[in-house]
Amino acid sequence: AFGEGQFAWWSGTSQASPMVAGVVAMIRSVDPTLRPNEIERIIIKSGKNIDKKNKGLGKGSKMGGGMTDALEVLDEMDIDEDDIEEAQERAEARAAGNGRGNSGNGNNND
């Protein structure tokens, strides 16, 4: 554990995976109708090449798909403030309805 004023530096897929999962959650909150392949395309297209050894983004590169950029994702989706407010309202309504943030039907496909 780290105390106040302390930090640590970690890297690798163990750190990248939760970040990408958060971006996927953000995408789904704005547009829950997107399919997994559409979400993947948005994330890959908006990724940033962060290493000269990374010979292009996507499969086959030495360093993976680059760095996920949540703001670029929103730009790629052509999201504006109204879209974000609507997503927040939907999330608040779901949370108020059952406290779990989903439709309460046993799955998260709402």
N, C-alpha and C. Protein backbone atom coordinates (compact mmCIF):
# COMPACT_ATOMS: atom_id res chain seq x y z
N ALA A 1 0.85 -1.19 0.00
CA ALA A 1 0.00 0.00 0.00
C ALA A 1 0.88 1.23 0.00
N PHE A 2 0.35 2.29 -0.56
CA PHE A 2 1.10 3.54 -0.66
C PHE A 2 0.41 4.59 0.18
N GLY A 3 1.23 5.35 0.89
CA GLY A 3 0.68 6.40 1.75
C GLY A 3 0.50 7.70 0.99
N GLU A 4 0.03 8.69 1.71
CA GLU A 4 -0.20 10.00 1.12
C GLU A 4 1.09 10.56 0.55
N GLY A 5 1.00 11.07 -0.68
CA GLY A 5 2.17 11.66 -1.32
C GLY A 5 3.09 10.66 -1.98
N GLN A 6 2.77 9.38 -1.93
CA GLN A 6 3.60 8.35 -2.54
C GLN A 6 2.90 7.82 -3.79
N PHE A 7 3.68 7.34 -4.74
CA PHE A 7 3.12 6.73 -5.93
C PHE A 7 4.07 5.66 -6.42
N ALA A 8 3.58 4.87 -7.35
CA ALA A 8 4.39 3.81 -7.95
C ALA A 8 4.14 3.82 -9.45
N TRP A 9 5.04 3.25 -10.20
CA TRP A 9 4.92 3.17 -11.64
C TRP A 9 4.78 1.71 -12.04
N TRP A 10 3.69 1.39 -12.70
CA TRP A 10 3.49 0.05 -13.23
C TRP A 10 3.17 0.16 -14.70
N SER A 11 3.42 -0.91 -15.42
CA SER A 11 3.12 -0.90 -16.85
C SER A 11 2.76 -2.32 -17.28
N GLY A 12 2.40 -2.45 -18.52
CA GLY A 12 2.09 -3.76 -19.07
C GLY A 12 0.60 -4.00 -19.19
N THR A 13 0.25 -5.18 -19.70
CA THR A 13 -1.15 -5.49 -19.94
C THR A 13 -1.96 -5.56 -18.66
N SER A 14 -1.32 -5.86 -17.54
CA SER A 14 -2.06 -5.89 -16.28
C SER A 14 -2.59 -4.52 -15.93
N GLN A 15 -1.93 -3.48 -16.38
CA GLN A 15 -2.38 -2.11 -16.14
C GLN A 15 -3.23 -1.60 -17.29
N ALA A 16 -2.94 -2.04 -18.50
CA ALA A 16 -3.67 -1.56 -19.68
C ALA A 16 -5.08 -2.13 -19.74
N SER A 17 -5.25 -3.37 -19.36
CA SER A 17 -6.57 -4.01 -19.48
C SER A 17 -7.67 -3.27 -18.72
N PRO A 18 -7.46 -2.89 -17.45
CA PRO A 18 -8.52 -2.16 -16.77
C PRO A 18 -8.79 -0.78 -17.38
N MET A 19 -7.76 -0.18 -17.95
CA MET A 19 -7.95 1.13 -18.60
C MET A 19 -8.83 0.98 -19.84
N VAL A 20 -8.55 -0.03 -20.65
CA VAL A 20 -9.35 -0.26 -21.85
C VAL A 20 -10.77 -0.66 -21.46
N ALA A 21 -10.91 -1.45 -20.41
CA ALA A 21 -12.25 -1.83 -19.94
C ALA A 21 -13.04 -0.58 -19.53
N GLY A 22 -12.37 0.37 -18.92
CA GLY A 22 -13.04 1.62 -18.55
C GLY A 22 -13.48 2.41 -19.77
N VAL A 23 -12.65 2.42 -20.82
CA VAL A 23 -13.02 3.11 -22.05
C VAL A 23 -14.20 2.41 -22.71
N VAL A 24 -14.21 1.08 -22.69
CA VAL A 24 -15.34 0.32 -23.23
C VAL A 24 -16.61 0.67 -22.46
N ALA A 25 -16.52 0.75 -21.14
CA ALA A 25 -17.69 1.13 -20.34
C ALA A 25 -18.17 2.53 -20.70
N MET A 26 -17.23 3.45 -20.93
CA MET A 26 -17.59 4.80 -21.33
C MET A 26 -18.32 4.77 -22.67
N ILE A 27 -17.79 4.03 -23.62
CA ILE A 27 -18.42 3.92 -24.94
C ILE A 27 -19.83 3.37 -24.81
N ARG A 28 -19.98 2.29 -24.03
CA ARG A 28 -21.30 1.67 -23.86
C ARG A 28 -22.27 2.60 -23.15
N SER A 29 -21.77 3.45 -22.26
CA SER A 29 -22.66 4.38 -21.56
C SER A 29 -23.20 5.44 -22.51
N VAL A 30 -22.42 5.80 -23.52
CA VAL A 30 -22.84 6.80 -24.48
C VAL A 30 -23.71 6.17 -25.58
N ASP A 31 -23.33 4.96 -26.03
CA ASP A 31 -24.10 4.29 -27.08
C ASP A 31 -24.18 2.80 -26.79
N PRO A 32 -25.18 2.38 -26.01
CA PRO A 32 -25.29 0.98 -25.64
C PRO A 32 -25.67 0.05 -26.80
N THR A 33 -25.95 0.60 -27.97
CA THR A 33 -26.34 -0.23 -29.12
C THR A 33 -25.13 -0.74 -29.90
N LEU A 34 -23.93 -0.22 -29.62
CA LEU A 34 -22.76 -0.65 -30.39
C LEU A 34 -22.42 -2.10 -30.10
N ARG A 35 -22.03 -2.80 -31.14
CA ARG A 35 -21.60 -4.21 -31.02
C ARG A 35 -20.11 -4.25 -30.68
N PRO A 36 -19.64 -5.39 -30.14
CA PRO A 36 -18.22 -5.48 -29.76
C PRO A 36 -17.25 -5.15 -30.89
N ASN A 37 -17.54 -5.60 -32.12
CA ASN A 37 -16.62 -5.30 -33.22
C ASN A 37 -16.60 -3.80 -33.53
N GLU A 38 -17.71 -3.10 -33.33
CA GLU A 38 -17.74 -1.66 -33.55
C GLU A 38 -16.94 -0.93 -32.48
N ILE A 39 -17.07 -1.39 -31.25
CA ILE A 39 -16.30 -0.81 -30.14
C ILE A 39 -14.81 -1.03 -30.37
N GLU A 40 -14.45 -2.23 -30.80
CA GLU A 40 -13.04 -2.53 -31.08
C GLU A 40 -12.50 -1.59 -32.17
N ARG A 41 -13.27 -1.38 -33.23
CA ARG A 41 -12.84 -0.52 -34.32
C ARG A 41 -12.60 0.91 -33.82
N ILE A 42 -13.50 1.40 -32.99
CA ILE A 42 -13.37 2.76 -32.45
C ILE A 42 -12.11 2.89 -31.61
N ILE A 43 -11.87 1.91 -30.75
CA ILE A 43 -10.70 1.96 -29.87
C ILE A 43 -9.41 1.87 -30.68
N ILE A 44 -9.37 0.95 -31.64
CA ILE A 44 -8.16 0.81 -32.45
C ILE A 44 -7.90 2.06 -33.27
N LYS A 45 -8.95 2.60 -33.89
CA LYS A 45 -8.78 3.78 -34.74
C LYS A 45 -8.33 4.99 -33.93
N SER A 46 -8.73 5.09 -32.69
CA SER A 46 -8.39 6.25 -31.88
C SER A 46 -7.11 6.06 -31.06
N GLY A 47 -6.49 4.89 -31.14
CA GLY A 47 -5.27 4.63 -30.39
C GLY A 47 -4.10 5.48 -30.85
N LYS A 48 -3.19 5.73 -29.93
CA LYS A 48 -2.01 6.54 -30.24
C LYS A 48 -0.77 5.65 -30.28
N ASN A 49 0.00 5.83 -31.32
CA ASN A 49 1.27 5.13 -31.46
C ASN A 49 2.25 5.76 -30.48
N ILE A 50 2.70 4.99 -29.49
CA ILE A 50 3.52 5.57 -28.42
C ILE A 50 4.98 5.12 -28.45
N ASP A 51 5.35 4.31 -29.40
CA ASP A 51 6.71 3.78 -29.41
C ASP A 51 7.18 3.64 -30.84
N LYS A 52 8.38 4.08 -31.13
CA LYS A 52 8.92 3.98 -32.49
C LYS A 52 8.99 2.53 -32.96
N LYS A 53 9.08 1.59 -32.01
CA LYS A 53 9.11 0.17 -32.37
C LYS A 53 7.73 -0.34 -32.78
N ASN A 54 6.72 0.42 -32.47
CA ASN A 54 5.35 0.03 -32.79
C ASN A 54 5.10 0.34 -34.27
N LYS A 55 5.20 -0.67 -35.10
CA LYS A 55 5.08 -0.48 -36.55
C LYS A 55 3.62 -0.46 -36.97
N GLY A 56 2.90 0.53 -36.52
CA GLY A 56 1.49 0.66 -36.86
C GLY A 56 0.63 0.11 -35.74
N LEU A 57 -0.57 0.60 -35.66
CA LEU A 57 -1.48 0.17 -34.61
C LEU A 57 -2.18 -1.11 -35.03
N GLY A 58 -2.55 -1.90 -34.07
CA GLY A 58 -3.34 -3.09 -34.34
C GLY A 58 -2.52 -4.36 -34.28
N LYS A 59 -3.11 -5.42 -34.74
CA LYS A 59 -2.50 -6.74 -34.65
C LYS A 59 -1.20 -6.79 -35.43
N GLY A 60 -0.24 -7.51 -34.90
CA GLY A 60 1.03 -7.68 -35.58
C GLY A 60 2.10 -6.68 -35.18
N SER A 61 1.75 -5.64 -34.47
CA SER A 61 2.77 -4.68 -34.06
C SER A 61 3.49 -5.21 -32.83
N LYS A 62 4.71 -4.75 -32.64
CA LYS A 62 5.53 -5.25 -31.54
C LYS A 62 5.03 -4.80 -30.17
N MET A 63 4.43 -3.63 -30.11
CA MET A 63 4.04 -3.06 -28.83
C MET A 63 2.53 -3.08 -28.60
N GLY A 64 1.81 -3.88 -29.34
CA GLY A 64 0.37 -3.91 -29.18
C GLY A 64 -0.31 -2.82 -29.98
N GLY A 65 -1.46 -2.37 -29.52
CA GLY A 65 -2.26 -1.40 -30.26
C GLY A 65 -1.98 0.04 -29.92
N GLY A 66 -0.96 0.32 -29.15
CA GLY A 66 -0.69 1.70 -28.77
C GLY A 66 -1.42 2.06 -27.49
N MET A 67 -1.56 3.36 -27.26
CA MET A 67 -2.19 3.84 -26.03
C MET A 67 -3.64 4.24 -26.32
N THR A 68 -4.54 3.78 -25.47
CA THR A 68 -5.94 4.15 -25.59
C THR A 68 -6.09 5.60 -25.14
N ASP A 69 -6.87 6.36 -25.90
CA ASP A 69 -7.08 7.77 -25.61
C ASP A 69 -8.58 8.02 -25.54
N ALA A 70 -9.11 8.18 -24.32
CA ALA A 70 -10.56 8.32 -24.13
C ALA A 70 -11.12 9.54 -24.85
N LEU A 71 -10.39 10.65 -24.87
CA LEU A 71 -10.88 11.83 -25.58
C LEU A 71 -10.95 11.60 -27.09
N GLU A 72 -9.96 10.90 -27.63
CA GLU A 72 -10.00 10.57 -29.05
C GLU A 72 -11.17 9.64 -29.36
N VAL A 73 -11.48 8.74 -28.43
CA VAL A 73 -12.62 7.85 -28.61
C VAL A 73 -13.90 8.67 -28.74
N LEU A 74 -14.07 9.64 -27.85
CA LEU A 74 -15.26 10.48 -27.92
C LEU A 74 -15.30 11.28 -29.22
N ASP A 75 -14.14 11.76 -29.67
CA ASP A 75 -14.08 12.47 -30.95
C ASP A 75 -14.45 11.54 -32.10
N GLU A 76 -13.93 10.32 -32.05
CA GLU A 76 -14.21 9.33 -33.09
C GLU A 76 -15.70 9.02 -33.15
N MET A 77 -16.35 9.03 -31.98
CA MET A 77 -17.78 8.75 -31.91
C MET A 77 -18.62 9.99 -32.21
N ASP A 78 -17.97 11.14 -32.40
CA ASP A 78 -18.66 12.41 -32.66
C ASP A 78 -19.64 12.73 -31.53
N ILE A 79 -19.13 12.65 -30.30
CA ILE A 79 -19.92 12.87 -29.09
C ILE A 79 -19.86 14.34 -28.71
N ASP A 80 -21.00 14.89 -28.31
CA ASP A 80 -21.02 16.26 -27.81
C ASP A 80 -21.57 16.26 -26.38
N GLU A 81 -21.65 17.43 -25.78
CA GLU A 81 -22.09 17.53 -24.38
C GLU A 81 -23.50 16.99 -24.17
N ASP A 82 -24.38 17.19 -25.14
CA ASP A 82 -25.75 16.67 -25.01
C ASP A 82 -25.76 15.15 -24.92
N ASP A 83 -24.90 14.49 -25.73
CA ASP A 83 -24.82 13.03 -25.69
C ASP A 83 -24.34 12.55 -24.32
N ILE A 84 -23.37 13.26 -23.77
CA ILE A 84 -22.82 12.87 -22.46
C ILE A 84 -23.88 13.06 -21.38
N GLU A 85 -24.61 14.17 -21.43
CA GLU A 85 -25.67 14.41 -20.44
C GLU A 85 -26.75 13.34 -20.53
N GLU A 86 -27.13 12.95 -21.74
CA GLU A 86 -28.13 11.90 -21.91
C GLU A 86 -27.64 10.57 -21.33
N ALA A 87 -26.37 10.25 -21.56
CA ALA A 87 -25.79 9.02 -21.01
C ALA A 87 -25.80 9.06 -19.49
N GLN A 88 -25.47 10.22 -18.91
CA GLN A 88 -25.49 10.35 -17.46
C GLN A 88 -26.90 10.16 -16.92
N GLU A 89 -27.88 10.74 -17.59
CA GLU A 89 -29.28 10.59 -17.15
C GLU A 89 -29.72 9.14 -17.22
N ARG A 90 -29.35 8.43 -18.30
CA ARG A 90 -29.71 7.00 -18.40
C ARG A 90 -29.08 6.21 -17.27
N ALA A 91 -27.80 6.48 -16.99
CA ALA A 91 -27.10 5.75 -15.92
C ALA A 91 -27.72 6.03 -14.57
N GLU A 92 -28.07 7.28 -14.31
CA GLU A 92 -28.71 7.63 -13.03
C GLU A 92 -30.07 6.98 -12.90
N ALA A 93 -30.83 6.94 -13.98
CA ALA A 93 -32.15 6.30 -13.95
C ALA A 93 -32.03 4.81 -13.69
N ARG A 94 -31.05 4.16 -14.32
CA ARG A 94 -30.84 2.72 -14.08
C ARG A 94 -30.44 2.48 -12.64
N ALA A 95 -29.52 3.30 -12.14
CA ALA A 95 -29.05 3.13 -10.76
C ALA A 95 -30.18 3.37 -9.77
N ALA A 96 -31.02 4.36 -10.01
CA ALA A 96 -32.14 4.66 -9.11
C ALA A 96 -33.18 3.54 -9.16
N GLY A 97 -33.30 2.89 -10.32
CA GLY A 97 -34.31 1.85 -10.49
C GLY A 97 -34.02 0.58 -9.73
N ASN A 98 -32.74 0.20 -9.63
CA ASN A 98 -32.45 -1.07 -8.95
C ASN A 98 -31.13 -1.07 -8.19
N GLY A 99 -30.43 0.03 -8.20
CA GLY A 99 -29.20 0.12 -7.43
C GLY A 99 -28.03 -0.62 -8.03
N ARG A 100 -28.22 -1.27 -9.20
CA ARG A 100 -27.13 -2.02 -9.79
C ARG A 100 -26.64 -1.43 -11.10
N GLY A 101 -27.36 -0.50 -11.67
CA GLY A 101 -26.91 0.10 -12.90
C GLY A 101 -27.28 -0.66 -14.15
N ASN A 102 -28.05 -1.76 -14.03
CA ASN A 102 -28.54 -2.44 -15.23
C ASN A 102 -30.06 -2.56 -15.14
N SER A 103 -30.64 -3.23 -16.08
CA SER A 103 -32.09 -3.27 -16.16
C SER A 103 -32.72 -4.16 -15.11
N GLY A 104 -31.91 -4.93 -14.39
CA GLY A 104 -32.45 -5.81 -13.37
C GLY A 104 -33.03 -7.10 -13.91
N ASN A 105 -32.79 -7.38 -15.20
CA ASN A 105 -33.33 -8.58 -15.80
C ASN A 105 -32.36 -9.75 -15.79
N GLY A 106 -31.27 -9.60 -15.05
CA GLY A 106 -30.33 -10.70 -14.94
C GLY A 106 -29.18 -10.62 -15.94
N ASN A 107 -29.23 -9.68 -16.85
CA ASN A 107 -28.10 -9.49 -17.75
C ASN A 107 -27.80 -8.02 -17.88
N ASN A 108 -26.70 -7.71 -18.53
CA ASN A 108 -26.28 -6.33 -18.69
C ASN A 108 -26.45 -5.87 -20.13
N ASN A 109 -27.41 -6.40 -20.82
CA ASN A 109 -27.60 -6.08 -22.23
C ASN A 109 -28.64 -5.01 -22.46
N ASP A 110 -28.86 -4.13 -21.50
CA ASP A 110 -29.87 -3.08 -21.69
C ASP A 110 -29.30 -1.87 -22.39
